[in-house]
Amino acid sequence: MGRKGVSLQEKRERILRIYHESKDVFNLKKLEKLGSKAGVVLRT
């Protein structure tokens, strides 16, 4: 049985949590790296 994917809403919440916790500005490469650690695959 495969893993259930993360919903778009959940991805948004996780990315926003990264911004709110760090209060910093990111380029796309850095955001993708942090997002993958939070369980978000941005290109899907």
PDB file of N, CA and C in Angstrom:
ATOM      1  N   MET A   1       0.850  -1.187   0.000  1.00  0.00           N
ATOM      2  CA  MET A   1       0.000   0.000   0.000  1.00  0.00           C
ATOM      3  C   MET A   1       0.890   1.242   0.000  1.00  0.00           C
ATOM      4  N   GLY A   2       0.611   2.195  -0.874  1.00  0.00           N
ATOM      5  CA  GLY A   2       1.417   3.407  -0.994  1.00  0.00           C
ATOM      6  C   GLY A   2       1.071   4.442   0.057  1.00  0.00           C
ATOM      7  N   ARG A   3       1.983   5.384   0.192  1.00  0.00           N
ATOM      8  CA  ARG A   3       1.748   6.477   1.137  1.00  0.00           C
ATOM      9  C   ARG A   3       0.727   7.444   0.582  1.00  0.00           C
ATOM     10  N   LYS A   4      -0.083   7.980   1.451  1.00  0.00           N
ATOM     11  CA  LYS A   4      -1.044   8.997   1.036  1.00  0.00           C
ATOM     12  C   LYS A   4      -0.305  10.322   0.895  1.00  0.00           C
ATOM     13  N   GLY A   5      -0.561  11.024  -0.199  1.00  0.00           N
ATOM     14  CA  GLY A   5       0.095  12.301  -0.439  1.00  0.00           C
ATOM     15  C   GLY A   5      -0.427  13.389   0.475  1.00  0.00           C
ATOM     16  N   VAL A   6       0.302  14.463   0.535  1.00  0.00           N
ATOM     17  CA  VAL A   6      -0.075  15.614   1.354  1.00  0.00           C
ATOM     18  C   VAL A   6      -0.963  16.526   0.510  1.00  0.00           C
ATOM     19  N   SER A   7      -2.045  16.992   1.083  1.00  0.00           N
ATOM     20  CA  SER A   7      -2.957  17.865   0.347  1.00  0.00           C
ATOM     21  C   SER A   7      -2.316  19.228   0.099  1.00  0.00           C
ATOM     22  N   LEU A   8      -2.847  19.937  -0.882  1.00  0.00           N
ATOM     23  CA  LEU A   8      -2.334  21.265  -1.210  1.00  0.00           C
ATOM     24  C   LEU A   8      -2.441  22.196  -0.009  1.00  0.00           C
ATOM     25  N   GLN A   9      -3.543  22.116   0.713  1.00  0.00           N
ATOM     26  CA  GLN A   9      -3.730  22.959   1.895  1.00  0.00           C
ATOM     27  C   GLN A   9      -2.661  22.664   2.953  1.00  0.00           C
ATOM     28  N   GLU A  10      -2.369  21.388   3.152  1.00  0.00           N
ATOM     29  CA  GLU A  10      -1.348  21.011   4.135  1.00  0.00           C
ATOM     30  C   GLU A  10       0.038  21.504   3.696  1.00  0.00           C
ATOM     31  N   LYS A  11       0.320  21.436   2.391  1.00  0.00           N
ATOM     32  CA  LYS A  11       1.595  21.951   1.887  1.00  0.00           C
ATOM     33  C   LYS A  11       1.707  23.446   2.156  1.00  0.00           C
ATOM     34  N   ARG A  12       0.627  24.178   1.893  1.00  0.00           N
ATOM     35  CA  ARG A  12       0.628  25.623   2.146  1.00  0.00           C
ATOM     36  C   ARG A  12       0.884  25.921   3.613  1.00  0.00           C
ATOM     37  N   GLU A  13       0.223  25.172   4.493  1.00  0.00           N
ATOM     38  CA  GLU A  13       0.393  25.398   5.930  1.00  0.00           C
ATOM     39  C   GLU A  13       1.829  25.131   6.361  1.00  0.00           C
ATOM     40  N   ARG A  14       2.429  24.086   5.827  1.00  0.00           N
ATOM     41  CA  ARG A  14       3.807  23.759   6.197  1.00  0.00           C
ATOM     42  C   ARG A  14       4.786  24.824   5.711  1.00  0.00           C
ATOM     43  N   ILE A  15       4.599  25.308   4.470  1.00  0.00           N
ATOM     44  CA  ILE A  15       5.480  26.354   3.938  1.00  0.00           C
ATOM     45  C   ILE A  15       5.301  27.651   4.723  1.00  0.00           C
ATOM     46  N   LEU A  16       4.061  28.004   5.029  1.00  0.00           N
ATOM     47  CA  LEU A  16       3.818  29.213   5.827  1.00  0.00           C
ATOM     48  C   LEU A  16       4.436  29.095   7.208  1.00  0.00           C
ATOM     49  N   ARG A  17       4.413  27.900   7.780  1.00  0.00           N
ATOM     50  CA  ARG A  17       5.023  27.683   9.091  1.00  0.00           C
ATOM     51  C   ARG A  17       6.524  27.953   9.025  1.00  0.00           C
ATOM     52  N   ILE A  18       7.169  27.563   7.910  1.00  0.00           N
ATOM     53  CA  ILE A  18       8.601  27.833   7.735  1.00  0.00           C
ATOM     54  C   ILE A  18       8.849  29.339   7.745  1.00  0.00           C
ATOM     55  N   TYR A  19       8.035  30.090   6.989  1.00  0.00           N
ATOM     56  CA  TYR A  19       8.186  31.548   6.948  1.00  0.00           C
ATOM     57  C   TYR A  19       7.952  32.178   8.317  1.00  0.00           C
ATOM     58  N   HIS A  20       6.904  31.764   9.002  1.00  0.00           N
ATOM     59  CA  HIS A  20       6.548  32.373  10.282  1.00  0.00           C
ATOM     60  C   HIS A  20       7.587  32.075  11.360  1.00  0.00           C
ATOM     61  N   GLU A  21       8.143  30.877  11.345  1.00  0.00           N
ATOM     62  CA  GLU A  21       9.129  30.523  12.364  1.00  0.00           C
ATOM     63  C   GLU A  21      10.458  31.242  12.139  1.00  0.00           C
ATOM     64  N   SER A  22      10.852  31.438  10.887  1.00  0.00           N
ATOM     65  CA  SER A  22      12.163  32.027  10.621  1.00  0.00           C
ATOM     66  C   SER A  22      12.118  33.539  10.426  1.00  0.00           C
ATOM     67  N   LYS A  23      10.984  34.055   9.937  1.00  0.00           N
ATOM     68  CA  LYS A  23      10.838  35.487   9.638  1.00  0.00           C
ATOM     69  C   LYS A  23      11.983  35.963   8.741  1.00  0.00           C
ATOM     70  N   ASP A  24      12.251  35.177   7.706  1.00  0.00           N
ATOM     71  CA  ASP A  24      13.345  35.459   6.785  1.00  0.00           C
ATOM     72  C   ASP A  24      12.828  35.375   5.351  1.00  0.00           C
ATOM     73  N   VAL A  25      13.648  35.807   4.407  1.00  0.00           N
ATOM     74  CA  VAL A  25      13.314  35.738   2.987  1.00  0.00           C
ATOM     75  C   VAL A  25      14.156  34.629   2.368  1.00  0.00           C
ATOM     76  N   PHE A  26      13.538  33.811   1.516  1.00  0.00           N
ATOM     77  CA  PHE A  26      14.233  32.677   0.918  1.00  0.00           C
ATOM     78  C   PHE A  26      14.175  32.757  -0.595  1.00  0.00           C
ATOM     79  N   ASN A  27      15.231  32.252  -1.255  1.00  0.00           N
ATOM     80  CA  ASN A  27      15.131  32.028  -2.686  1.00  0.00           C
ATOM     81  C   ASN A  27      14.506  30.641  -2.886  1.00  0.00           C
ATOM     82  N   LEU A  28      14.146  30.315  -4.111  1.00  0.00           N
ATOM     83  CA  LEU A  28      13.424  29.075  -4.375  1.00  0.00           C
ATOM     84  C   LEU A  28      14.227  27.845  -3.971  1.00  0.00           C
ATOM     85  N   LYS A  29      15.512  27.846  -4.255  1.00  0.00           N
ATOM     86  CA  LYS A  29      16.349  26.689  -3.936  1.00  0.00           C
ATOM     87  C   LYS A  29      16.359  26.412  -2.429  1.00  0.00           C
ATOM     88  N   LYS A  30      16.528  27.451  -1.639  1.00  0.00           N
ATOM     89  CA  LYS A  30      16.549  27.298  -0.181  1.00  0.00           C
ATOM     90  C   LYS A  30      15.176  26.869   0.333  1.00  0.00           C
ATOM     91  N   LEU A  31      14.119  27.443  -0.233  1.00  0.00           N
ATOM     92  CA  LEU A  31      12.765  27.093   0.188  1.00  0.00           C
ATOM     93  C   LEU A  31      12.448  25.634  -0.129  1.00  0.00           C
ATOM     94  N   GLU A  32      12.882  25.148  -1.282  1.00  0.00           N
ATOM     95  CA  GLU A  32      12.672  23.745  -1.631  1.00  0.00           C
ATOM     96  C   GLU A  32      13.404  22.829  -0.655  1.00  0.00           C
ATOM     97  N   LYS A  33      14.603  23.214  -0.263  1.00  0.00           N
ATOM     98  CA  LYS A  33      15.375  22.403   0.678  1.00  0.00           C
ATOM     99  C   LYS A  33      14.679  22.349   2.040  1.00  0.00           C
ATOM    100  N   LEU A  34      14.240  23.501   2.538  1.00  0.00           N
ATOM    101  CA  LEU A  34      13.542  23.539   3.820  1.00  0.00           C
ATOM    102  C   LEU A  34      12.193  22.833   3.731  1.00  0.00           C
ATOM    103  N   GLY A  35      11.519  22.995   2.600  1.00  0.00           N
ATOM    104  CA  GLY A  35      10.225  22.348   2.407  1.00  0.00           C
ATOM    105  C   GLY A  35      10.340  20.838   2.395  1.00  0.00           C
ATOM    106  N   SER A  36      11.383  20.313   1.775  1.00  0.00           N
ATOM    107  CA  SER A  36      11.552  18.864   1.742  1.00  0.00           C
ATOM    108  C   SER A  36      11.788  18.306   3.143  1.00  0.00           C
ATOM    109  N   LYS A  37      12.463  19.068   3.985  1.00  0.00           N
ATOM    110  CA  LYS A  37      12.649  18.639   5.373  1.00  0.00           C
ATOM    111  C   LYS A  37      11.330  18.636   6.132  1.00  0.00           C
ATOM    112  N   ALA A  38      10.403  19.523   5.726  1.00  0.00           N
ATOM    113  CA  ALA A  38       9.093  19.605   6.375  1.00  0.00           C
ATOM    114  C   ALA A  38       8.091  18.638   5.746  1.00  0.00           C
ATOM    115  N   GLY A  39       8.531  17.873   4.736  1.00  0.00           N
ATOM    116  CA  GLY A  39       7.650  16.898   4.111  1.00  0.00           C
ATOM    117  C   GLY A  39       6.843  17.433   2.950  1.00  0.00           C
ATOM    118  N   VAL A  40       7.316  18.498   2.318  1.00  0.00           N
ATOM    119  CA  VAL A  40       6.613  19.099   1.186  1.00  0.00           C
ATOM    120  C   VAL A  40       7.467  18.933  -0.064  1.00  0.00           C
ATOM    121  N   VAL A  41       6.895  18.315  -1.099  1.00  0.00           N
ATOM    122  CA  VAL A  41       7.551  18.222  -2.394  1.00  0.00           C
ATOM    123  C   VAL A  41       6.921  19.292  -3.257  1.00  0.00           C
ATOM    124  N   LEU A  42       7.676  20.352  -3.576  1.00  0.00           N
ATOM    125  CA  LEU A  42       7.103  21.525  -4.223  1.00  0.00           C
ATOM    126  C   LEU A  42       6.764  21.305  -5.685  1.00  0.00           C
ATOM    127  N   ARG A  43       7.427  20.414  -6.359  1.00  0.00           N
ATOM    128  CA  ARG A  43       7.219  20.258  -7.800  1.00  0.00           C
ATOM    129  C   ARG A  43       6.142  19.236  -8.146  1.00  0.00           C
ATOM    130  N   THR A  44       5.327  18.861  -7.191  1.00  0.00           N
ATOM    131  CA  THR A  44       4.234  17.918  -7.484  1.00  0.00           C
ATOM    132  C   THR A  44       2.910  18.537  -7.179  1.00  0.00           C
TER     133      THR A  44
END
